[in-house]
Protein backbone atom coordinates (compact mmCIF):
# COMPACT_ATOMS: atom_id res chain seq x y z
CA UNK A 1 -24.30 16.93 -9.76
CA UNK A 2 -24.52 20.02 -7.56
CA UNK A 3 -22.58 18.22 -4.81
CA UNK A 4 -19.75 17.60 -7.30
CA UNK A 5 -19.67 21.24 -8.38
CA UNK A 6 -19.66 22.41 -4.76
CA UNK A 7 -16.92 19.88 -3.96
CA UNK A 8 -14.74 21.23 -6.77
CA UNK A 9 -15.30 24.75 -5.44
CA UNK A 10 -14.27 23.51 -2.00
CA UNK A 11 -11.06 22.10 -3.44
CA UNK A 12 -10.36 25.25 -5.41
CA UNK A 13 -10.77 27.54 -2.40
CA UNK A 14 -7.27 28.45 -1.08
CA UNK A 15 -8.65 28.99 2.43
CA UNK A 16 -9.47 25.27 2.65
CA UNK A 17 -5.81 24.35 2.10
CA UNK A 18 -4.26 26.25 4.99
CA UNK A 19 -4.13 25.60 8.71
CA UNK A 20 -3.84 22.40 10.77
CA UNK A 21 -7.21 21.18 9.47
CA UNK A 22 -6.64 22.28 5.88
CA UNK A 23 -6.29 20.01 2.88
CA UNK A 24 -2.52 20.43 2.83
CA UNK A 25 -2.18 19.18 6.39
CA UNK A 26 -4.69 16.38 5.83
CA UNK A 27 -2.85 15.12 2.74
CA UNK A 28 0.45 15.20 4.65
CA UNK A 29 -1.10 13.22 7.51
CA UNK A 30 -2.63 10.74 5.09
CA UNK A 31 0.65 10.15 3.30
CA UNK A 32 2.42 9.83 6.65
CA UNK A 33 0.04 7.09 7.82
CA UNK A 34 0.45 5.36 4.46
CA UNK A 35 4.25 5.52 4.52
CA UNK A 36 4.40 4.18 8.07
CA UNK A 37 2.05 1.30 7.25
CA UNK A 38 3.89 0.46 4.01
CA UNK A 39 7.21 0.38 5.87
CA UNK A 40 5.79 -1.92 8.55
CA UNK A 41 4.22 -4.09 5.86
CA UNK A 42 7.52 -4.34 3.98
CA UNK A 43 9.35 -5.46 7.12
CA UNK A 44 7.04 -8.48 7.20
CA UNK A 45 6.21 -9.10 3.55
CA UNK A 46 9.64 -8.68 1.94
CA UNK A 47 11.56 -11.31 3.97
CA UNK A 48 8.59 -13.69 3.86
CA UNK A 49 8.02 -13.21 0.14
CA UNK A 50 11.71 -13.60 -0.69
CA UNK A 51 11.99 -16.79 1.35
CA UNK A 52 8.89 -18.34 -0.19
CA UNK A 53 9.74 -17.15 -3.69
CA UNK A 54 13.35 -18.34 -3.63
CA UNK A 55 12.90 -21.66 -1.82
CA UNK A 56 9.37 -22.44 -3.13
CA UNK A 57 8.64 -23.80 0.35
CA UNK A 58 5.15 -23.35 1.74
CA UNK A 59 4.03 -21.16 -1.15
CA UNK A 60 0.43 -22.49 -1.28
CA UNK A 61 -0.06 -22.07 2.47
CA UNK A 62 1.49 -18.60 2.63
CA UNK A 63 -0.40 -17.33 -0.41
CA UNK A 64 -3.66 -18.80 0.87
CA UNK A 65 -3.17 -17.11 4.25
CA UNK A 66 -2.23 -13.84 2.57
CA UNK A 67 -5.28 -14.08 0.33
CA UNK A 68 -7.53 -14.61 3.33
CA UNK A 69 -6.32 -11.32 4.79
CA UNK A 70 -7.81 -9.51 1.79
CA UNK A 71 -11.27 -10.44 3.05
CA UNK A 72 -10.83 -8.65 6.37
CA UNK A 73 -13.28 -5.74 6.79
CA UNK A 74 -11.04 -2.75 7.45
CA UNK A 75 -13.47 -0.74 9.56
CA UNK A 76 -14.51 -3.75 11.62
CA UNK A 77 -10.92 -4.81 12.25
CA UNK A 78 -9.92 -1.25 13.14
CA UNK A 79 -12.78 -0.93 15.63
CA UNK A 80 -12.07 -4.33 17.16
CA UNK A 81 -8.36 -3.61 17.66
CA UNK A 82 -9.02 -0.13 19.04
CA UNK A 83 -11.33 -1.60 21.66
CA UNK A 84 -9.59 -4.93 22.33
CA UNK A 85 -6.00 -3.72 22.65
CA UNK A 86 -5.21 -2.25 26.09
CA UNK A 87 -3.60 0.78 24.45
CA UNK A 88 -5.98 1.01 21.51
CA UNK A 89 -7.82 4.08 22.77
CA UNK A 90 -4.85 5.99 24.17
CA UNK A 91 -2.58 5.15 21.23
CA UNK A 92 -4.92 4.82 18.22
CA UNK A 93 -2.05 4.86 15.73
CA UNK A 94 -1.08 1.32 16.81
CA UNK A 95 -4.38 -0.40 15.89
CA UNK A 96 -4.49 1.78 12.79
CA UNK A 97 -1.09 0.58 11.55
CA UNK A 98 -1.89 -3.04 12.43
CA UNK A 99 -5.09 -2.85 10.38
CA UNK A 100 -3.35 -1.33 7.37
CA UNK A 101 -0.52 -3.86 7.60
CA UNK A 102 -2.97 -6.77 7.62
CA UNK A 103 -4.51 -5.42 4.42
CA UNK A 104 -1.18 -4.61 2.74
CA UNK A 105 0.70 -7.84 3.44
CA UNK A 106 -1.37 -9.92 1.02
CA UNK A 107 -0.71 -8.02 -2.24
CA UNK A 108 2.92 -7.36 -1.33
CA UNK A 109 3.74 -10.99 -0.54
CA UNK A 110 1.83 -12.18 -3.60
CA UNK A 111 3.69 -9.68 -5.79
CA UNK A 112 7.11 -10.72 -4.51
CA UNK A 113 6.38 -14.44 -4.98
CA UNK A 114 5.01 -13.73 -8.45
CA UNK A 115 8.22 -11.84 -9.22
CA UNK A 116 10.29 -14.91 -8.39
CA UNK A 117 7.94 -17.10 -10.42
CA UNK A 118 8.34 -14.79 -13.43
CA UNK A 119 12.06 -15.59 -13.64
CA UNK A 120 12.74 -18.38 -16.13
CA UNK A 121 13.71 -21.50 -14.19
CA UNK A 122 16.31 -22.33 -16.85
CA UNK A 123 18.09 -19.07 -16.07
CA UNK A 124 18.24 -19.99 -12.40
CA UNK A 125 19.46 -23.51 -13.20
CA UNK A 126 22.12 -22.11 -15.52
CA UNK A 127 23.34 -19.73 -12.84
CA UNK A 128 23.47 -22.57 -10.32
CA UNK A 129 25.38 -24.74 -12.80
CA UNK A 130 27.82 -21.89 -13.38
CA UNK A 131 28.76 -21.96 -9.71
CA UNK A 132 26.61 -19.12 -8.41
CA UNK A 133 25.87 -19.36 -4.72
CA UNK A 134 22.26 -19.21 -3.56
CA UNK A 135 22.89 -15.67 -2.37
CA UNK A 136 24.26 -14.69 -5.77
CA UNK A 137 21.28 -16.28 -7.51
CA UNK A 138 18.98 -14.30 -5.26
CA UNK A 139 20.69 -10.93 -5.56
CA UNK A 140 22.09 -11.09 -9.10
CA UNK A 141 19.50 -13.13 -10.96
CA UNK A 142 16.09 -13.43 -9.31
CA UNK A 143 15.72 -9.98 -7.75
CA UNK A 144 16.86 -7.97 -10.81
CA UNK A 145 14.78 -10.02 -13.25
CA UNK A 146 11.71 -10.22 -11.02
CA UNK A 147 11.84 -6.59 -9.87
CA UNK A 148 9.15 -5.23 -12.25
CA UNK A 149 6.57 -7.77 -11.05
CA UNK A 150 7.60 -7.25 -7.42
CA UNK A 151 7.16 -3.50 -7.74
CA UNK A 152 3.72 -4.24 -9.15
CA UNK A 153 2.91 -5.98 -5.87
CA UNK A 154 4.26 -3.01 -3.93
CA UNK A 155 2.17 -0.72 -6.11
CA UNK A 156 -0.98 -2.67 -5.34
CA UNK A 157 -0.23 -2.71 -1.60
CA UNK A 158 0.52 1.01 -1.42
CA UNK A 159 -2.64 2.04 -3.26
CA UNK A 160 -4.77 -0.29 -1.13
CA UNK A 161 -3.26 1.03 2.10
CA UNK A 162 -3.60 4.64 0.96
CA UNK A 163 -7.26 4.20 0.03
CA UNK A 164 -8.07 2.32 3.23
CA UNK A 165 -6.35 4.90 5.43
CA UNK A 166 -9.48 7.06 5.16
CA UNK A 167 -11.14 4.88 7.84
CA UNK A 168 -8.53 5.93 10.41
CA UNK A 169 -10.54 9.10 11.01
CA UNK A 170 -13.21 6.86 12.55
CA UNK A 171 -11.00 6.41 15.66
CA UNK A 172 -9.97 10.06 15.89
CA UNK A 173 -6.89 10.18 13.66
CA UNK A 174 -6.32 12.71 10.90
CA UNK A 175 -5.86 12.33 7.17
CA UNK A 176 -8.29 12.90 4.36
CA UNK A 177 -10.84 10.70 6.10
CA UNK A 178 -11.52 13.65 8.42
CA UNK A 179 -13.31 15.40 5.56
CA UNK A 180 -15.71 12.47 5.30
CA UNK A 181 -16.27 12.05 9.05
CA UNK A 182 -16.48 15.76 9.87
CA UNK A 183 -18.58 16.48 6.81
CA UNK A 184 -21.02 13.73 7.72
CA UNK A 185 -21.34 15.05 11.27
CA UNK A 186 -22.65 18.40 10.02
CA UNK A 187 -24.23 17.10 6.79
CA UNK A 188 -21.68 19.01 4.72
CA UNK A 189 -21.90 16.74 1.69
CA UNK A 190 -19.71 18.87 -0.62
CA UNK A 191 -16.90 18.51 1.92
CA UNK A 192 -17.41 14.74 1.94
CA UNK A 193 -17.29 14.57 -1.86
CA UNK A 194 -14.20 16.78 -1.82
CA UNK A 195 -12.55 14.33 0.57
CA UNK A 196 -13.38 11.40 -1.69
CA UNK A 197 -12.01 13.26 -4.71
CA UNK A 198 -8.84 14.20 -2.84
CA UNK A 199 -8.19 10.58 -1.80
CA UNK A 200 -8.75 9.44 -5.37
CA UNK A 201 -6.41 12.09 -6.76
CA UNK A 202 -3.63 11.30 -4.28
CA UNK A 203 -3.98 7.57 -4.97
CA UNK A 204 -3.77 8.18 -8.73
CA UNK A 205 -0.64 10.33 -8.37
CA UNK A 206 1.07 7.74 -6.17
CA UNK A 207 0.07 4.97 -8.57
CA UNK A 208 1.50 6.87 -11.54
CA UNK A 209 4.81 7.37 -9.70
CA UNK A 210 5.02 3.67 -8.82
CA UNK A 211 4.06 2.71 -12.37
CA UNK A 212 7.00 4.78 -13.62
CA UNK A 213 9.28 2.99 -11.14
CA UNK A 214 7.94 -0.33 -12.36
CA UNK A 215 8.75 0.54 -15.97
CA UNK A 216 12.21 1.78 -14.99
CA UNK A 217 12.93 -1.54 -13.23
CA UNK A 218 12.46 -3.56 -16.39
CA UNK A 219 15.75 -5.08 -17.57
CA UNK A 220 17.26 -3.19 -20.48
CA UNK A 221 17.94 -5.33 -23.53
CA UNK A 222 21.37 -4.59 -24.95
CA UNK A 223 21.43 -4.10 -28.70
CA UNK A 224 23.84 -6.16 -30.79
CA UNK A 225 26.23 -4.32 -32.99
């Protein structure tokens, strides 16, 4: 209990928020790593998920492969890539992003495919019978109607990437993981608890924002006069 009280005091101390190693800088770094990894993940997951969701081709194989990626141990994969890649030590951000992308692809692809599956097949068939092109069905029917579920997949991927980004400090990068690594090195346990609390708080804030976006994406039902 005392560690928690000391951690809250650490977070409440303004001096711990300033400077290049302060909480403000660490949170900015952490969000930067997360944003970069989410963008890289989206470049892979969005086209793949849209193709599988719209065509229904290879869905079991793709979802099984994506599900298998969830089982990857983040710290082990990060260490392996940092050592195995020829530029892993000199450019640690590259193995870091690869690791986060491998963990984020699974929930994002699954969410996008689930979004397509949530659209009533009769609606799609009706649009096709009405002369809609496949592109129109994709952009005017499936994406708008499936958007809430798809954003749910994005939400899951972002929170998972953000939480996992703490391990990047293990290979010398910044972020809130530095509080855990640096605190452990000097047995400063209140600092470590403060880091864990900060990561949790940032993840909750991001999740709340994405939850609001998910609610806003729900189709509005027009009232009949």
